[in-house]
PDB file of N, CA and C in Angstrom:
ATOM      1  N   MET A   1    -106.567  90.748 -12.453  1.00  0.00           N
ATOM      2  CA  MET A   1    -106.748  91.957 -12.123  1.00  0.00           C
ATOM      3  C   MET A   1    -107.916  91.865 -11.268  1.00  0.00           C
ATOM      4  N   GLN A   2    -107.751  90.261 -10.691  1.00  0.00           N
ATOM      5  CA  GLN A   2    -109.145  90.986  -9.458  1.00  0.00           C
ATOM      6  C   GLN A   2    -109.468  91.491  -8.462  1.00  0.00           C
ATOM      7  N   GLN A   3    -108.113  92.103  -7.848  1.00  0.00           N
ATOM      8  CA  GLN A   3    -107.903  92.942  -6.677  1.00  0.00           C
ATOM      9  C   GLN A   3    -107.345  94.081  -6.946  1.00  0.00           C
ATOM     10  N   VAL A   4    -107.548  95.014  -6.446  1.00  0.00           N
ATOM     11  CA  VAL A   4    -106.468  96.049  -6.368  1.00  0.00           C
ATOM     12  C   VAL A   4    -105.889  96.303  -5.161  1.00  0.00           C
ATOM     13  N   TYR A   5    -105.078  97.143  -5.324  1.00  0.00           N
ATOM     14  CA  TYR A   5    -103.981  97.375  -3.980  1.00  0.00           C
ATOM     15  C   TYR A   5    -102.997  98.631  -4.091  1.00  0.00           C
ATOM     16  N   PRO A   6    -102.616  98.740  -3.421  1.00  0.00           N
ATOM     17  CA  PRO A   6    -102.196 100.364  -3.134  1.00  0.00           C
ATOM     18  C   PRO A   6    -101.155 100.778  -3.908  1.00  0.00           C
ATOM     19  N   VAL A   7    -101.200 102.110  -3.999  1.00  0.00           N
ATOM     20  CA  VAL A   7    -100.421 102.522  -5.016  1.00  0.00           C
ATOM     21  C   VAL A   7     -99.425 103.483  -3.471  1.00  0.00           C
ATOM     22  N   ARG A   8     -98.051 103.381  -3.674  1.00  0.00           N
ATOM     23  CA  ARG A   8     -97.506 103.537  -2.711  1.00  0.00           C
ATOM     24  C   ARG A   8     -97.500 105.354  -3.042  1.00  0.00           C
ATOM     25  N   GLU A   9     -97.476 106.048  -2.470  1.00  0.00           N
ATOM     26  CA  GLU A   9     -98.201 107.780  -2.061  1.00  0.00           C
ATOM     27  C   GLU A   9     -97.145 108.555  -2.378  1.00  0.00           C
ATOM     28  N   GLU A  10     -95.898 108.331  -2.630  1.00  0.00           N
ATOM     29  CA  GLU A  10     -94.543 109.126  -3.477  1.00  0.00           C
ATOM     30  C   GLU A  10     -94.929 108.671  -4.671  1.00  0.00           C
ATOM     31  N   LYS A  11     -95.571 108.093  -4.866  1.00  0.00           N
ATOM     32  CA  LYS A  11     -95.622 107.687  -6.584  1.00  0.00           C
ATOM     33  C   LYS A  11     -96.853 108.029  -7.437  1.00  0.00           C
ATOM     34  N   ARG A  12     -97.892 108.085  -6.740  1.00  0.00           N
ATOM     35  CA  ARG A  12     -99.105 108.658  -7.607  1.00  0.00           C
ATOM     36  C   ARG A  12     -98.588 110.234  -7.986  1.00  0.00           C
ATOM     37  N   ASP A  13     -98.250 110.997  -8.146  1.00  0.00           N
ATOM     38  CA  ASP A  13     -98.419 111.246  -9.279  1.00  0.00           C
ATOM     39  C   ASP A  13     -97.822 111.704 -10.345  1.00  0.00           C
ATOM     40  N   GLU A  14     -96.435 110.427  -9.749  1.00  0.00           N
ATOM     41  CA  GLU A  14     -95.702 110.148 -11.131  1.00  0.00           C
ATOM     42  C   GLU A  14     -96.621 108.885 -12.207  1.00  0.00           C
ATOM     43  N   ILE A  15     -97.855 108.292 -11.582  1.00  0.00           N
ATOM     44  CA  ILE A  15     -98.196 107.314 -12.667  1.00  0.00           C
ATOM     45  C   ILE A  15     -99.936 107.688 -11.679  1.00  0.00           C
ATOM     46  N   PRO A  16    -100.956 108.726 -12.607  1.00  0.00           N
ATOM     47  CA  PRO A  16    -101.761 109.301 -12.137  1.00  0.00           C
ATOM     48  C   PRO A  16    -102.583 108.441 -13.023  1.00  0.00           C
ATOM     49  N   ALA A  17    -102.137 107.729 -14.239  1.00  0.00           N
ATOM     50  CA  ALA A  17    -103.415 106.881 -15.297  1.00  0.00           C
ATOM     51  C   ALA A  17    -103.288 105.607 -14.127  1.00  0.00           C
ATOM     52  N   VAL A  18    -102.522 105.223 -13.454  1.00  0.00           N
ATOM     53  CA  VAL A  18    -103.224 103.903 -13.457  1.00  0.00           C
ATOM     54  C   VAL A  18    -103.888 104.190 -12.383  1.00  0.00           C
ATOM     55  N   THR A  19    -103.837 105.414 -10.974  1.00  0.00           N
ATOM     56  CA  THR A  19    -103.886 105.268 -10.136  1.00  0.00           C
ATOM     57  C   THR A  19    -105.374 105.667  -8.955  1.00  0.00           C
ATOM     58  N   HIS A  20    -106.178 104.958  -9.005  1.00  0.00           N
ATOM     59  CA  HIS A  20    -107.834 105.390  -8.756  1.00  0.00           C
ATOM     60  C   HIS A  20    -107.743 106.353  -7.945  1.00  0.00           C
ATOM     61  N   VAL A  21    -108.994 107.322  -7.761  1.00  0.00           N
ATOM     62  CA  VAL A  21    -109.420 108.020  -6.898  1.00  0.00           C
ATOM     63  C   VAL A  21    -109.164 107.483  -5.308  1.00  0.00           C
ATOM     64  N   ASP A  22    -108.942 106.479  -4.717  1.00  0.00           N
ATOM     65  CA  ASP A  22    -108.422 106.859  -4.072  1.00  0.00           C
ATOM     66  C   ASP A  22    -107.598 105.728  -3.451  1.00  0.00           C
ATOM     67  N   GLY A  23    -106.802 106.128  -4.198  1.00  0.00           N
ATOM     68  CA  GLY A  23    -104.821 106.093  -3.840  1.00  0.00           C
ATOM     69  C   GLY A  23    -104.973 104.581  -4.291  1.00  0.00           C
ATOM     70  N   THR A  24    -105.750 103.637  -4.667  1.00  0.00           N
ATOM     71  CA  THR A  24    -105.284 102.107  -5.093  1.00  0.00           C
ATOM     72  C   THR A  24    -105.663 101.994  -6.704  1.00  0.00           C
ATOM     73  N   GLY A  25    -104.813 100.797  -7.136  1.00  0.00           N
ATOM     74  CA  GLY A  25    -104.257 100.662  -8.230  1.00  0.00           C
ATOM     75  C   GLY A  25    -104.893  99.302  -9.049  1.00  0.00           C
ATOM     76  N   ARG A  26    -105.125  98.940 -10.096  1.00  0.00           N
ATOM     77  CA  ARG A  26    -104.908  96.872 -10.248  1.00  0.00           C
ATOM     78  C   ARG A  26    -104.085  97.113 -10.915  1.00  0.00           C
ATOM     79  N   LEU A  27    -102.948  96.410 -10.280  1.00  0.00           N
ATOM     80  CA  LEU A  27    -102.150  96.244 -10.455  1.00  0.00           C
ATOM     81  C   LEU A  27    -100.983  95.258 -10.100  1.00  0.00           C
ATOM     82  N   GLN A  28    -100.205  94.658 -11.868  1.00  0.00           N
ATOM     83  CA  GLN A  28    -100.717  93.624 -12.206  1.00  0.00           C
ATOM     84  C   GLN A  28     -98.668  93.199 -12.189  1.00  0.00           C
ATOM     85  N   ALA A  29     -98.121  91.979 -12.156  1.00  0.00           N
ATOM     86  CA  ALA A  29     -96.663  92.012 -12.232  1.00  0.00           C
ATOM     87  C   ALA A  29     -96.685  91.101 -13.301  1.00  0.00           C
ATOM     88  N   VAL A  30     -95.483  91.270 -13.774  1.00  0.00           N
ATOM     89  CA  VAL A  30     -94.904  90.323 -15.258  1.00  0.00           C
ATOM     90  C   VAL A  30     -93.907  90.237 -15.166  1.00  0.00           C
ATOM     91  N   GLY A  31     -94.228  88.845 -15.244  1.00  0.00           N
ATOM     92  CA  GLY A  31     -92.880  87.793 -14.520  1.00  0.00           C
ATOM     93  C   GLY A  31     -91.634  87.635 -15.700  1.00  0.00           C
ATOM     94  N   LYS A  32     -90.289  87.505 -15.781  1.00  0.00           N
ATOM     95  CA  LYS A  32     -89.238  87.781 -17.424  1.00  0.00           C
ATOM     96  C   LYS A  32     -90.059  86.382 -17.346  1.00  0.00           C
ATOM     97  N   ASP A  33     -89.977  84.922 -17.292  1.00  0.00           N
ATOM     98  CA  ASP A  33     -89.773  83.470 -16.856  1.00  0.00           C
ATOM     99  C   ASP A  33     -91.092  83.784 -18.143  1.00  0.00           C
ATOM    100  N   ARG A  34     -92.523  83.862 -17.551  1.00  0.00           N
ATOM    101  CA  ARG A  34     -94.302  83.849 -18.215  1.00  0.00           C
ATOM    102  C   ARG A  34     -94.179  84.367 -18.938  1.00  0.00           C
ATOM    103  N   ASN A  35     -93.523  85.691 -19.666  1.00  0.00           N
ATOM    104  CA  ASN A  35     -93.704  86.831 -20.565  1.00  0.00           C
ATOM    105  C   ASN A  35     -92.254  87.681 -21.162  1.00  0.00           C
ATOM    106  N   PRO A  36     -91.935  87.385 -21.311  1.00  0.00           N
ATOM    107  CA  PRO A  36     -90.392  87.309 -21.125  1.00  0.00           C
ATOM    108  C   PRO A  36     -90.433  89.005 -22.391  1.00  0.00           C
ATOM    109  N   ALA A  37     -91.373  89.318 -22.867  1.00  0.00           N
ATOM    110  CA  ALA A  37     -91.322  90.083 -24.497  1.00  0.00           C
ATOM    111  C   ALA A  37     -91.503  91.468 -23.417  1.00  0.00           C
ATOM    112  N   TYR A  38     -92.954  90.556 -23.062  1.00  0.00           N
ATOM    113  CA  TYR A  38     -93.029  91.764 -22.085  1.00  0.00           C
ATOM    114  C   TYR A  38     -92.645  92.627 -21.594  1.00  0.00           C
ATOM    115  N   HIS A  39     -92.322  91.900 -20.720  1.00  0.00           N
ATOM    116  CA  HIS A  39     -90.753  92.556 -19.216  1.00  0.00           C
ATOM    117  C   HIS A  39     -89.913  93.162 -20.062  1.00  0.00           C
ATOM    118  N   ARG A  40     -88.954  92.778 -20.960  1.00  0.00           N
ATOM    119  CA  ARG A  40     -88.115  93.203 -21.613  1.00  0.00           C
ATOM    120  C   ARG A  40     -88.903  94.973 -22.042  1.00  0.00           C
ATOM    121  N   LEU A  41     -89.945  94.922 -22.713  1.00  0.00           N
ATOM    122  CA  LEU A  41     -90.583  96.660 -23.343  1.00  0.00           C
ATOM    123  C   LEU A  41     -90.369  97.059 -21.919  1.00  0.00           C
ATOM    124  N   ILE A  42     -91.705  96.760 -20.390  1.00  0.00           N
ATOM    125  CA  ILE A  42     -91.412  97.234 -19.388  1.00  0.00           C
ATOM    126  C   ILE A  42     -89.978  97.419 -19.118  1.00  0.00           C
ATOM    127  N   SER A  43     -89.048  96.920 -18.850  1.00  0.00           N
ATOM    128  CA  SER A  43     -88.217  97.805 -18.243  1.00  0.00           C
ATOM    129  C   SER A  43     -87.325  98.177 -19.876  1.00  0.00           C
ATOM    130  N   ALA A  44     -87.519  97.941 -20.998  1.00  0.00           N
ATOM    131  CA  ALA A  44     -86.543  98.839 -21.274  1.00  0.00           C
ATOM    132  C   ALA A  44     -87.754 100.239 -20.749  1.00  0.00           C
ATOM    133  N   PHE A  45     -88.528 100.620 -21.224  1.00  0.00           N
ATOM    134  CA  PHE A  45     -88.960 101.925 -20.808  1.00  0.00           C
ATOM    135  C   PHE A  45     -88.806 102.460 -19.843  1.00  0.00           C
ATOM    136  N   ALA A  46     -88.543 101.873 -18.339  1.00  0.00           N
ATOM    137  CA  ALA A  46     -87.869 102.344 -17.469  1.00  0.00           C
ATOM    138  C   ALA A  46     -86.791 102.594 -17.534  1.00  0.00           C
ATOM    139  N   GLU A  47     -85.511 101.900 -18.305  1.00  0.00           N
ATOM    140  CA  GLU A  47     -84.414 102.630 -18.221  1.00  0.00           C
ATOM    141  C   GLU A  47     -84.763 104.508 -18.622  1.00  0.00           C
ATOM    142  N   LYS A  48     -85.370 103.991 -19.963  1.00  0.00           N
ATOM    143  CA  LYS A  48     -85.409 105.592 -20.447  1.00  0.00           C
ATOM    144  C   LYS A  48     -86.343 106.344 -19.896  1.00  0.00           C
ATOM    145  N   THR A  49     -87.450 106.263 -19.052  1.00  0.00           N
ATOM    146  CA  THR A  49     -88.322 106.575 -17.994  1.00  0.00           C
ATOM    147  C   THR A  49     -87.927 106.736 -16.894  1.00  0.00           C
ATOM    148  N   GLY A  50     -87.408 106.157 -15.987  1.00  0.00           N
ATOM    149  CA  GLY A  50     -87.263 105.386 -14.906  1.00  0.00           C
ATOM    150  C   GLY A  50     -87.937 105.366 -14.009  1.00  0.00           C
ATOM    151  N   THR A  51     -89.557 104.582 -14.664  1.00  0.00           N
ATOM    152  CA  THR A  51     -90.496 104.426 -14.504  1.00  0.00           C
ATOM    153  C   THR A  51     -90.901 102.903 -14.918  1.00  0.00           C
ATOM    154  N   PRO A  52     -90.302 101.584 -14.227  1.00  0.00           N
ATOM    155  CA  PRO A  52     -91.227 100.286 -14.572  1.00  0.00           C
ATOM    156  C   PRO A  52     -93.132 100.199 -14.308  1.00  0.00           C
ATOM    157  N   VAL A  53     -93.432 101.041 -14.926  1.00  0.00           N
ATOM    158  CA  VAL A  53     -95.061 100.962 -14.841  1.00  0.00           C
ATOM    159  C   VAL A  53     -95.367 101.362 -16.424  1.00  0.00           C
ATOM    160  N   VAL A  54     -95.923 100.777 -16.928  1.00  0.00           N
ATOM    161  CA  VAL A  54     -96.825 100.837 -17.672  1.00  0.00           C
ATOM    162  C   VAL A  54     -98.431 100.673 -18.074  1.00  0.00           C
ATOM    163  N   LEU A  55     -99.164 101.042 -18.730  1.00  0.00           N
ATOM    164  CA  LEU A  55    -101.338 101.448 -18.832  1.00  0.00           C
ATOM    165  C   LEU A  55    -100.784 100.892 -19.226  1.00  0.00           C
ATOM    166  N   ASN A  56    -101.835  99.227 -19.093  1.00  0.00           N
ATOM    167  CA  ASN A  56    -103.131  98.708 -20.143  1.00  0.00           C
ATOM    168  C   ASN A  56    -104.164  98.045 -19.983  1.00  0.00           C
ATOM    169  N   THR A  57    -104.696  98.514 -20.438  1.00  0.00           N
ATOM    170  CA  THR A  57    -106.121  98.450 -20.994  1.00  0.00           C
ATOM    171  C   THR A  57    -106.664  97.998 -21.384  1.00  0.00           C
ATOM    172  N   SER A  58    -107.945  97.874 -22.101  1.00  0.00           N
ATOM    173  CA  SER A  58    -108.835  97.338 -22.828  1.00  0.00           C
ATOM    174  C   SER A  58    -108.646  98.381 -24.028  1.00  0.00           C
ATOM    175  N   PHE A  59    -108.454  96.996 -25.621  1.00  0.00           N
ATOM    176  CA  PHE A  59    -107.994  97.686 -26.750  1.00  0.00           C
ATOM    177  C   PHE A  59    -109.170  97.990 -27.635  1.00  0.00           C
ATOM    178  N   ASN A  60    -109.831  98.943 -27.262  1.00  0.00           N
ATOM    179  CA  ASN A  60    -111.066  99.189 -27.730  1.00  0.00           C
ATOM    180  C   ASN A  60    -111.579 100.692 -27.981  1.00  0.00           C
ATOM    181  N   GLU A  61    -112.448 100.658 -28.801  1.00  0.00           N
ATOM    182  CA  GLU A  61    -113.418 102.325 -28.840  1.00  0.00           C
ATOM    183  C   GLU A  61    -114.804 101.697 -28.892  1.00  0.00           C
ATOM    184  N   ASN A  62    -115.493 101.709 -28.159  1.00  0.00           N
ATOM    185  CA  ASN A  62    -117.185 101.281 -28.583  1.00  0.00           C
ATOM    186  C   ASN A  62    -117.223 100.641 -29.480  1.00  0.00           C
ATOM    187  N   GLU A  63    -116.257  99.101 -29.198  1.00  0.00           N
ATOM    188  CA  GLU A  63    -116.500  98.100 -30.216  1.00  0.00           C
ATOM    189  C   GLU A  63    -115.505  97.218 -29.070  1.00  0.00           C
ATOM    190  N   PRO A  64    -116.179  95.753 -29.724  1.00  0.00           N
ATOM    191  CA  PRO A  64    -115.424  94.584 -28.760  1.00  0.00           C
ATOM    192  C   PRO A  64    -113.965  94.474 -28.960  1.00  0.00           C
ATOM    193  N   ILE A  65    -113.054  94.219 -27.384  1.00  0.00           N
ATOM    194  CA  ILE A  65    -111.709  94.212 -27.562  1.00  0.00           C
ATOM    195  C   ILE A  65    -111.437  93.353 -28.768  1.00  0.00           C
ATOM    196  N   VAL A  66    -109.983  93.946 -29.211  1.00  0.00           N
ATOM    197  CA  VAL A  66    -109.488  93.787 -30.421  1.00  0.00           C
ATOM    198  C   VAL A  66    -108.731  92.371 -30.128  1.00  0.00           C
ATOM    199  N   GLU A  67    -108.508  91.978 -30.997  1.00  0.00           N
ATOM    200  CA  GLU A  67    -107.948  90.934 -30.986  1.00  0.00           C
ATOM    201  C   GLU A  67    -107.215  90.084 -31.881  1.00  0.00           C
ATOM    202  N   PHE A  68    -107.158  90.837 -32.707  1.00  0.00           N
ATOM    203  CA  PHE A  68    -106.313  90.650 -34.539  1.00  0.00           C
ATOM    204  C   PHE A  68    -106.276  91.909 -34.529  1.00  0.00           C
ATOM    205  N   PRO A  69    -104.699  91.993 -35.543  1.00  0.00           N
ATOM    206  CA  PRO A  69    -103.415  92.734 -36.281  1.00  0.00           C
ATOM    207  C   PRO A  69    -104.303  94.319 -36.709  1.00  0.00           C
ATOM    208  N   ARG A  70    -105.212  93.604 -37.687  1.00  0.00           N
ATOM    209  CA  ARG A  70    -105.866  94.228 -38.743  1.00  0.00           C
ATOM    210  C   ARG A  70    -107.307  94.570 -37.640  1.00  0.00           C
ATOM    211  N   GLN A  71    -107.875  94.361 -36.442  1.00  0.00           N
ATOM    212  CA  GLN A  71    -108.391  95.458 -35.566  1.00  0.00           C
ATOM    213  C   GLN A  71    -108.211  96.668 -35.186  1.00  0.00           C
ATOM    214  N   ALA A  72    -106.741  96.285 -34.878  1.00  0.00           N
ATOM    215  CA  ALA A  72    -105.441  97.009 -33.768  1.00  0.00           C
ATOM    216  C   ALA A  72    -104.925  97.897 -33.898  1.00  0.00           C
ATOM    217  N   LEU A  73    -105.072  98.074 -36.075  1.00  0.00           N
ATOM    218  CA  LEU A  73    -104.371  99.595 -36.806  1.00  0.00           C
ATOM    219  C   LEU A  73    -105.867  99.577 -36.908  1.00  0.00           C
ATOM    220  N   ASP A  74    -106.376  99.544 -36.919  1.00  0.00           N
ATOM    221  CA  ASP A  74    -108.748  99.771 -37.783  1.00  0.00           C
ATOM    222  C   ASP A  74    -108.124 100.907 -36.314  1.00  0.00           C
ATOM    223  N   CYS A  75    -108.308 100.181 -34.770  1.00  0.00           N
ATOM    224  CA  CYS A  75    -108.223 100.887 -33.656  1.00  0.00           C
ATOM    225  C   CYS A  75    -107.508 102.862 -33.931  1.00  0.00           C
ATOM    226  N   PHE A  76    -106.407 102.204 -34.465  1.00  0.00           N
ATOM    227  CA  PHE A  76    -105.516 102.969 -34.040  1.00  0.00           C
ATOM    228  C   PHE A  76    -105.786 104.208 -34.939  1.00  0.00           C
ATOM    229  N   PHE A  77    -105.889 103.585 -36.430  1.00  0.00           N
ATOM    230  CA  PHE A  77    -106.171 105.139 -37.362  1.00  0.00           C
ATOM    231  C   PHE A  77    -107.810 105.970 -37.398  1.00  0.00           C
ATOM    232  N   ARG A  78    -108.257 105.100 -36.420  1.00  0.00           N
ATOM    233  CA  ARG A  78    -109.989 105.811 -36.078  1.00  0.00           C
ATOM    234  C   ARG A  78    -109.962 106.318 -34.514  1.00  0.00           C
ATOM    235  N   THR A  79    -108.671 106.414 -33.968  1.00  0.00           N
ATOM    236  CA  THR A  79    -108.389 107.303 -32.631  1.00  0.00           C
ATOM    237  C   THR A  79    -107.550 107.728 -32.798  1.00  0.00           C
ATOM    238  N   GLY A  80    -107.204 108.434 -31.062  1.00  0.00           N
ATOM    239  CA  GLY A  80    -106.157 109.552 -31.722  1.00  0.00           C
ATOM    240  C   GLY A  80    -104.915 108.903 -30.891  1.00  0.00           C
ATOM    241  N   MET A  81    -104.642 107.374 -30.805  1.00  0.00           N
ATOM    242  CA  MET A  81    -103.398 106.903 -30.538  1.00  0.00           C
ATOM    243  C   MET A  81    -102.465 107.332 -31.280  1.00  0.00           C
ATOM    244  N   ASP A  82    -101.005 107.803 -30.104  1.00  0.00           N
ATOM    245  CA  ASP A  82    -100.224 108.046 -31.060  1.00  0.00           C
ATOM    246  C   ASP A  82     -99.179 106.575 -30.916  1.00  0.00           C
ATOM    247  N   ALA A  83    -100.099 105.640 -31.131  1.00  0.00           N
ATOM    248  CA  ALA A  83     -98.689 104.030 -31.604  1.00  0.00           C
ATOM    249  C   ALA A  83     -99.643 102.974 -30.584  1.00  0.00           C
ATOM    250  N   VAL A  84     -99.046 101.776 -31.476  1.00  0.00           N
ATOM    251  CA  VAL A  84     -99.704 100.554 -31.378  1.00  0.00           C
ATOM    252  C   VAL A  84     -98.056  99.716 -32.534  1.00  0.00           C
ATOM    253  N   VAL A  85     -98.115  99.270 -31.505  1.00  0.00           N
ATOM    254  CA  VAL A  85     -96.905  97.913 -31.319  1.00  0.00           C
ATOM    255  C   VAL A  85     -97.690  96.441 -31.868  1.00  0.00           C
ATOM    256  N   VAL A  86     -97.904  95.855 -33.198  1.00  0.00           N
ATOM    257  CA  VAL A  86     -98.112  94.912 -33.608  1.00  0.00           C
ATOM    258  C   VAL A  86     -97.390  93.802 -34.262  1.00  0.00           C
ATOM    259  N   LYS A  87     -97.174  92.921 -33.517  1.00  0.00           N
ATOM    260  CA  LYS A  87     -96.311  91.439 -33.008  1.00  0.00           C
ATOM    261  C   LYS A  87     -94.631  92.669 -33.187  1.00  0.00           C
ATOM    262  N   ASN A  88     -93.712  92.565 -34.061  1.00  0.00           N
ATOM    263  CA  ASN A  88     -92.828  93.179 -33.791  1.00  0.00           C
ATOM    264  C   ASN A  88     -92.448  94.475 -34.576  1.00  0.00           C
ATOM    265  N   THR A  89     -93.856  95.158 -34.861  1.00  0.00           N
ATOM    266  CA  THR A  89     -93.950  96.147 -36.000  1.00  0.00           C
ATOM    267  C   THR A  89     -94.184  97.076 -34.607  1.00  0.00           C
ATOM    268  N   LEU A  90     -93.796  98.265 -34.547  1.00  0.00           N
ATOM    269  CA  LEU A  90     -94.532  99.218 -34.084  1.00  0.00           C
ATOM    270  C   LEU A  90     -94.714 100.821 -34.902  1.00  0.00           C
ATOM    271  N   VAL A  91     -96.005 101.329 -34.674  1.00  0.00           N
ATOM    272  CA  VAL A  91     -96.658 102.354 -36.491  1.00  0.00           C
ATOM    273  C   VAL A  91     -96.482 103.079 -35.325  1.00  0.00           C
ATOM    274  N   GLN A  92     -96.835 104.624 -35.419  1.00  0.00           N
ATOM    275  CA  GLN A  92     -96.232 105.403 -35.552  1.00  0.00           C
ATOM    276  C   GLN A  92     -96.488 106.835 -35.915  1.00  0.00           C
ATOM    277  N   ARG A  93     -97.735 107.658 -34.986  1.00  0.00           N
ATOM    278  CA  ARG A  93     -98.502 108.933 -35.680  1.00  0.00           C
ATOM    279  C   ARG A  93     -96.793 109.910 -36.171  1.00  0.00           C
ATOM    280  N   GLN A  94     -97.301 110.638 -37.311  1.00  0.00           N
ATOM    281  CA  GLN A  94     -96.264 111.575 -37.398  1.00  0.00           C
ATOM    282  C   GLN A  94     -96.713 113.112 -37.747  1.00  0.00           C
ATOM    283  N   PRO A  95     -95.720 113.779 -36.864  1.00  0.00           N
ATOM    284  CA  PRO A  95     -96.970 115.373 -37.172  1.00  0.00           C
ATOM    285  C   PRO A  95     -96.895 115.303 -38.611  1.00  0.00           C
ATOM    286  N   VAL A  96     -98.314 115.896 -38.657  1.00  0.00           N
ATOM    287  CA  VAL A  96     -98.227 116.666 -39.827  1.00  0.00           C
ATOM    288  C   VAL A  96     -97.555 118.222 -39.976  1.00  0.00           C
ATOM    289  N   LYS A  97     -97.002 118.766 -40.653  1.00  0.00           N
ATOM    290  CA  LYS A  97     -97.003 119.723 -41.164  1.00  0.00           C
ATOM    291  C   LYS A  97     -97.640 120.646 -42.002  1.00  0.00           C
ATOM    292  N   GLN A  98     -98.739 122.053 -41.487  1.00  0.00           N
ATOM    293  CA  GLN A  98     -99.386 122.454 -41.821  1.00  0.00           C
ATOM    294  C   GLN A  98     -98.395 123.577 -42.864  1.00  0.00           C
ATOM    295  N   ALA A  99     -99.345 123.113 -44.396  1.00  0.00           N
ATOM    296  CA  ALA A  99     -98.378 124.351 -45.459  1.00  0.00           C
ATOM    297  C   ALA A  99     -98.869 125.575 -45.656  1.00  0.00           C
ATOM    298  N   ALA A 100     -97.824 126.829 -45.505  1.00  0.00           N
ATOM    299  CA  ALA A 100     -98.035 127.572 -45.420  1.00  0.00           C
ATOM    300  C   ALA A 100     -98.717 128.641 -46.787  1.00  0.00           C
ATOM    301  N   PRO A 101     -99.719 129.418 -46.213  1.00  0.00           N
ATOM    302  CA  PRO A 101    -100.061 130.357 -47.511  1.00  0.00           C
ATOM    303  C   PRO A 101     -99.493 129.908 -49.305  1.00  0.00           C
ATOM    304  N   GLU A 102     -98.638 130.255 -48.797  1.00  0.00           N
ATOM    305  CA  GLU A 102     -97.600 130.061 -49.961  1.00  0.00           C
ATOM    306  C   GLU A 102     -97.209 128.465 -51.139  1.00  0.00           C
ATOM    307  N   ASP A 103     -97.974 128.208 -50.323  1.00  0.00           N
ATOM    308  CA  ASP A 103     -97.403 126.789 -50.527  1.00  0.00           C
ATOM    309  C   ASP A 103     -98.085 125.743 -51.380  1.00  0.00           C
ATOM    310  N   ALA A 104     -99.711 127.194 -50.955  1.00  0.00           N
ATOM    311  CA  ALA A 104    -101.485 126.197 -51.676  1.00  0.00           C
ATOM    312  C   ALA A 104    -101.192 125.991 -53.423  1.00  0.00           C
ATOM    313  N   ALA A 105    -102.170 125.032 -53.131  1.00  0.00           N
ATOM    314  CA  ALA A 105    -102.179 126.045 -54.652  1.00  0.00           C
ATOM    315  C   ALA A 105    -103.034 127.122 -55.718  1.00  0.00           C
ATOM    316  N   PRO A 106    -103.018 127.694 -56.639  1.00  0.00           N
ATOM    317  CA  PRO A 106    -103.676 128.863 -57.250  1.00  0.00           C
ATOM    318  C   PRO A 106    -104.866 128.491 -57.271  1.00  0.00           C
ATOM    319  N   GLY A 107    -105.481 129.260 -56.546  1.00  0.00           N
ATOM    320  CA  GLY A 107    -107.504 129.801 -56.143  1.00  0.00           C
ATOM    321  C   GLY A 107    -107.168 128.683 -54.881  1.00  0.00           C
ATOM    322  N   GLU A 108    -106.215 128.581 -53.519  1.00  0.00           N
ATOM    323  CA  GLU A 108    -106.803 127.870 -52.752  1.00  0.00           C
ATOM    324  C   GLU A 108    -106.486 128.922 -51.471  1.00  0.00           C
ATOM    325  N   LYS A 109    -105.000 130.132 -51.819  1.00  0.00           N
ATOM    326  CA  LYS A 109    -105.586 130.531 -51.103  1.00  0.00           C
ATOM    327  C   LYS A 109    -106.086 131.361 -50.021  1.00  0.00           C
TER     328      LYS A 109
END
């Protein structure tokens, strides 16, 4: 990803997270023959959303880049990420329902 390329003008609003202010992006092609699993992921995302693009960024937060599954899970639990895939396992945050006052333990209302 040493070069930037223009993002088609009609697609810039669709993929703003990967479009720089000058209308370019660090685009990276994923070949089916070179990385079949990642290609399948992008293809499945395209089928669901109509957008054959995923954001690929450094995976870390104020630390060295994640290299191992344990580091990925530590980063996931510490941040506001919605989901993380580790090998073939998808880990997603589930919304937490706030307890109603009548559900509170005695003395906690």
